[in-house]
Amino acid sequence: MQSLYVDEFPLPSEAKKGVVYYMDVIKTGFMLCPCGCGAHIGFGPAWTVASKEPFTLDGSIQVDGGCRSHFIITKGVANFV
């Protein structure tokens, strides 16, 4: 996954698959679900960026609805749990 540090998030319809958008100032991120279902996933300051390049996030992300994916992003790769 590619990481982009942004000042504002793109509109969901403009988000690209495989990109994590992250606002460092407010410690918040956004991406499309890496399973390919197209769900919009946001994460906040409870998740810590352990490495900016390649992007690594401390803590897993679990999608509550739809595909119900559960994954960890390590070194730019979404590893499903």
N, C-alpha and C. Protein backbone atom coordinates (compact mmCIF):
# COMPACT_ATOMS: atom_id res chain seq x y z
N MET A 1 0.84 -1.17 0.00
CA MET A 1 0.00 0.00 0.00
C MET A 1 0.89 1.24 0.00
N GLN A 2 0.46 2.22 -0.73
CA GLN A 2 1.17 3.49 -0.79
C GLN A 2 0.59 4.41 0.29
N SER A 3 1.42 5.22 0.89
CA SER A 3 0.92 6.19 1.87
C SER A 3 1.10 7.60 1.33
N LEU A 4 0.06 8.41 1.51
CA LEU A 4 0.11 9.81 1.12
C LEU A 4 -0.23 10.65 2.33
N TYR A 5 0.63 11.59 2.65
CA TYR A 5 0.37 12.51 3.76
C TYR A 5 -0.29 13.74 3.17
N VAL A 6 -1.50 14.02 3.64
CA VAL A 6 -2.33 15.05 3.01
C VAL A 6 -2.77 16.10 4.02
N ASP A 7 -3.16 17.27 3.50
CA ASP A 7 -3.71 18.33 4.33
C ASP A 7 -5.22 18.19 4.47
N GLU A 8 -5.84 17.49 3.51
CA GLU A 8 -7.26 17.19 3.59
C GLU A 8 -7.50 15.88 2.84
N PHE A 9 -8.53 15.15 3.26
CA PHE A 9 -8.83 13.87 2.63
C PHE A 9 -9.52 14.08 1.29
N PRO A 10 -9.29 13.15 0.36
CA PRO A 10 -10.02 13.24 -0.90
C PRO A 10 -11.49 12.86 -0.68
N LEU A 11 -12.34 13.24 -1.59
CA LEU A 11 -13.71 12.75 -1.55
C LEU A 11 -13.66 11.23 -1.70
N PRO A 12 -14.54 10.51 -1.03
CA PRO A 12 -14.51 9.05 -1.16
C PRO A 12 -14.54 8.57 -2.62
N SER A 13 -15.26 9.27 -3.46
CA SER A 13 -15.33 8.86 -4.87
C SER A 13 -14.01 9.08 -5.61
N GLU A 14 -13.12 9.88 -5.04
CA GLU A 14 -11.82 10.16 -5.66
C GLU A 14 -10.67 9.37 -5.04
N ALA A 15 -10.95 8.62 -3.97
CA ALA A 15 -9.92 7.83 -3.32
C ALA A 15 -9.46 6.71 -4.23
N LYS A 16 -8.19 6.37 -4.14
CA LYS A 16 -7.62 5.32 -4.98
C LYS A 16 -7.37 4.06 -4.17
N LYS A 17 -7.63 2.93 -4.78
CA LYS A 17 -7.37 1.64 -4.15
C LYS A 17 -5.88 1.48 -3.88
N GLY A 18 -5.54 0.97 -2.71
CA GLY A 18 -4.14 0.73 -2.37
C GLY A 18 -3.41 1.93 -1.81
N VAL A 19 -4.15 3.01 -1.50
CA VAL A 19 -3.52 4.21 -0.96
C VAL A 19 -4.09 4.49 0.43
N VAL A 20 -3.19 4.71 1.40
CA VAL A 20 -3.59 5.17 2.72
C VAL A 20 -3.35 6.67 2.76
N TYR A 21 -4.42 7.43 2.99
CA TYR A 21 -4.32 8.88 3.11
C TYR A 21 -4.22 9.18 4.60
N TYR A 22 -3.23 9.97 5.00
CA TYR A 22 -3.01 10.21 6.42
C TYR A 22 -2.76 11.69 6.68
N MET A 23 -3.48 12.21 7.67
CA MET A 23 -3.29 13.60 8.10
C MET A 23 -2.51 13.57 9.41
N ASP A 24 -1.24 13.86 9.33
CA ASP A 24 -0.34 13.79 10.49
C ASP A 24 -0.76 14.76 11.60
N VAL A 25 -1.28 15.92 11.22
CA VAL A 25 -1.63 16.95 12.20
C VAL A 25 -2.71 16.45 13.17
N ILE A 26 -3.70 15.73 12.65
CA ILE A 26 -4.78 15.25 13.52
C ILE A 26 -4.73 13.73 13.75
N LYS A 27 -3.65 13.09 13.28
CA LYS A 27 -3.43 11.66 13.51
C LYS A 27 -4.62 10.81 13.07
N THR A 28 -5.09 11.07 11.86
CA THR A 28 -6.26 10.39 11.32
C THR A 28 -5.97 9.92 9.90
N GLY A 29 -6.50 8.74 9.55
CA GLY A 29 -6.27 8.21 8.22
C GLY A 29 -7.55 7.72 7.57
N PHE A 30 -7.44 7.47 6.29
CA PHE A 30 -8.58 7.04 5.47
C PHE A 30 -8.05 6.18 4.34
N MET A 31 -8.79 5.14 3.96
CA MET A 31 -8.42 4.30 2.82
C MET A 31 -9.63 3.53 2.35
N LEU A 32 -9.52 2.94 1.18
CA LEU A 32 -10.51 1.99 0.72
C LEU A 32 -10.10 0.63 1.25
N CYS A 33 -11.07 -0.21 1.57
CA CYS A 33 -10.76 -1.53 2.14
C CYS A 33 -9.83 -2.30 1.20
N PRO A 34 -8.76 -2.86 1.75
CA PRO A 34 -7.80 -3.57 0.91
C PRO A 34 -8.32 -4.89 0.33
N CYS A 35 -9.49 -5.37 0.79
CA CYS A 35 -10.04 -6.61 0.23
C CYS A 35 -10.61 -6.38 -1.16
N GLY A 36 -10.84 -5.10 -1.51
CA GLY A 36 -11.37 -4.77 -2.82
C GLY A 36 -12.87 -4.51 -2.84
N CYS A 37 -13.53 -4.59 -1.68
CA CYS A 37 -14.98 -4.38 -1.63
C CYS A 37 -15.37 -2.92 -1.85
N GLY A 38 -14.42 -2.00 -1.67
CA GLY A 38 -14.69 -0.58 -1.89
C GLY A 38 -15.17 0.18 -0.67
N ALA A 39 -15.26 -0.51 0.48
CA ALA A 39 -15.70 0.17 1.71
C ALA A 39 -14.70 1.26 2.09
N HIS A 40 -15.23 2.37 2.61
CA HIS A 40 -14.39 3.48 3.07
C HIS A 40 -14.04 3.23 4.52
N ILE A 41 -12.75 3.22 4.84
CA ILE A 41 -12.29 2.92 6.19
C ILE A 41 -11.53 4.12 6.73
N GLY A 42 -11.92 4.57 7.90
CA GLY A 42 -11.21 5.64 8.59
C GLY A 42 -10.62 5.12 9.88
N PHE A 43 -9.51 5.70 10.29
CA PHE A 43 -8.93 5.34 11.59
C PHE A 43 -8.37 6.60 12.23
N GLY A 44 -8.43 6.61 13.55
CA GLY A 44 -8.04 7.81 14.28
C GLY A 44 -6.81 7.64 15.14
N PRO A 45 -6.65 8.53 16.11
CA PRO A 45 -5.43 8.55 16.92
C PRO A 45 -5.23 7.32 17.80
N ALA A 46 -6.24 6.47 17.93
CA ALA A 46 -6.05 5.22 18.69
C ALA A 46 -5.05 4.30 17.99
N TRP A 47 -4.90 4.47 16.68
CA TRP A 47 -3.92 3.72 15.91
C TRP A 47 -2.69 4.59 15.72
N THR A 48 -1.54 4.06 16.00
CA THR A 48 -0.30 4.82 15.93
C THR A 48 0.49 4.43 14.69
N VAL A 49 1.00 5.43 13.99
CA VAL A 49 1.88 5.16 12.85
C VAL A 49 3.25 4.80 13.40
N ALA A 50 3.63 3.55 13.21
CA ALA A 50 4.92 3.07 13.71
C ALA A 50 6.05 3.40 12.74
N SER A 51 5.72 3.50 11.46
CA SER A 51 6.70 3.84 10.44
C SER A 51 5.99 4.56 9.31
N LYS A 52 6.57 5.66 8.84
CA LYS A 52 5.95 6.42 7.75
C LYS A 52 6.28 5.83 6.39
N GLU A 53 7.47 5.34 6.20
CA GLU A 53 7.88 4.75 4.93
C GLU A 53 8.75 3.53 5.19
N PRO A 54 8.33 2.35 4.82
CA PRO A 54 6.99 2.04 4.35
C PRO A 54 5.98 2.14 5.49
N PHE A 55 4.76 2.43 5.15
CA PHE A 55 3.71 2.70 6.13
C PHE A 55 3.43 1.47 6.99
N THR A 56 3.53 1.66 8.31
CA THR A 56 3.21 0.60 9.28
C THR A 56 2.34 1.21 10.36
N LEU A 57 1.24 0.54 10.67
CA LEU A 57 0.28 1.02 11.65
C LEU A 57 0.24 0.06 12.83
N ASP A 58 0.41 0.58 14.05
CA ASP A 58 0.28 -0.26 15.25
C ASP A 58 -1.19 -0.48 15.51
N GLY A 59 -1.59 -1.71 15.61
CA GLY A 59 -2.98 -2.06 15.86
C GLY A 59 -3.65 -2.54 14.58
N SER A 60 -4.62 -3.40 14.75
CA SER A 60 -5.34 -3.92 13.59
C SER A 60 -6.57 -3.09 13.31
N ILE A 61 -7.06 -3.21 12.09
CA ILE A 61 -8.29 -2.55 11.68
C ILE A 61 -9.31 -3.63 11.36
N GLN A 62 -10.49 -3.51 11.94
CA GLN A 62 -11.55 -4.47 11.68
C GLN A 62 -12.77 -3.73 11.15
N VAL A 63 -13.25 -4.16 10.00
CA VAL A 63 -14.41 -3.55 9.38
C VAL A 63 -15.66 -4.14 10.03
N ASP A 64 -16.51 -3.26 10.58
CA ASP A 64 -17.68 -3.74 11.32
C ASP A 64 -18.79 -4.27 10.43
N GLY A 65 -18.96 -3.74 9.25
CA GLY A 65 -20.04 -4.18 8.38
C GLY A 65 -19.51 -4.69 7.06
N GLY A 66 -20.41 -5.05 6.19
CA GLY A 66 -20.02 -5.47 4.84
C GLY A 66 -19.09 -6.68 4.83
N CYS A 67 -17.88 -6.49 4.35
CA CYS A 67 -16.93 -7.59 4.16
C CYS A 67 -16.37 -8.14 5.47
N ARG A 68 -16.42 -7.33 6.53
CA ARG A 68 -15.93 -7.72 7.85
C ARG A 68 -14.43 -8.07 7.86
N SER A 69 -13.67 -7.44 6.99
CA SER A 69 -12.22 -7.67 6.94
C SER A 69 -11.57 -7.28 8.25
N HIS A 70 -10.46 -7.93 8.55
CA HIS A 70 -9.65 -7.64 9.73
C HIS A 70 -8.20 -7.76 9.27
N PHE A 71 -7.45 -6.67 9.41
CA PHE A 71 -6.10 -6.67 8.86
C PHE A 71 -5.17 -5.76 9.66
N ILE A 72 -3.89 -5.97 9.43
CA ILE A 72 -2.81 -5.15 10.00
C ILE A 72 -2.00 -4.63 8.82
N ILE A 73 -1.60 -3.37 8.86
CA ILE A 73 -0.75 -2.82 7.81
C ILE A 73 0.68 -2.77 8.34
N THR A 74 1.54 -3.57 7.69
CA THR A 74 2.94 -3.65 8.08
C THR A 74 3.81 -3.49 6.85
N LYS A 75 4.71 -2.53 6.88
CA LYS A 75 5.64 -2.27 5.78
C LYS A 75 4.90 -2.12 4.45
N GLY A 76 3.76 -1.41 4.50
CA GLY A 76 3.01 -1.13 3.29
C GLY A 76 2.15 -2.25 2.76
N VAL A 77 2.03 -3.33 3.52
CA VAL A 77 1.23 -4.49 3.09
C VAL A 77 0.11 -4.73 4.08
N ALA A 78 -1.11 -4.92 3.56
CA ALA A 78 -2.25 -5.27 4.41
C ALA A 78 -2.23 -6.78 4.61
N ASN A 79 -2.00 -7.20 5.84
CA ASN A 79 -1.97 -8.62 6.18
C ASN A 79 -3.28 -8.96 6.88
N PHE A 80 -4.08 -9.83 6.27
CA PHE A 80 -5.38 -10.18 6.83
C PHE A 80 -5.21 -11.16 7.97
N VAL A 81 -6.01 -10.92 9.02
CA VAL A 81 -5.93 -11.73 10.25
C VAL A 81 -7.04 -12.76 10.20
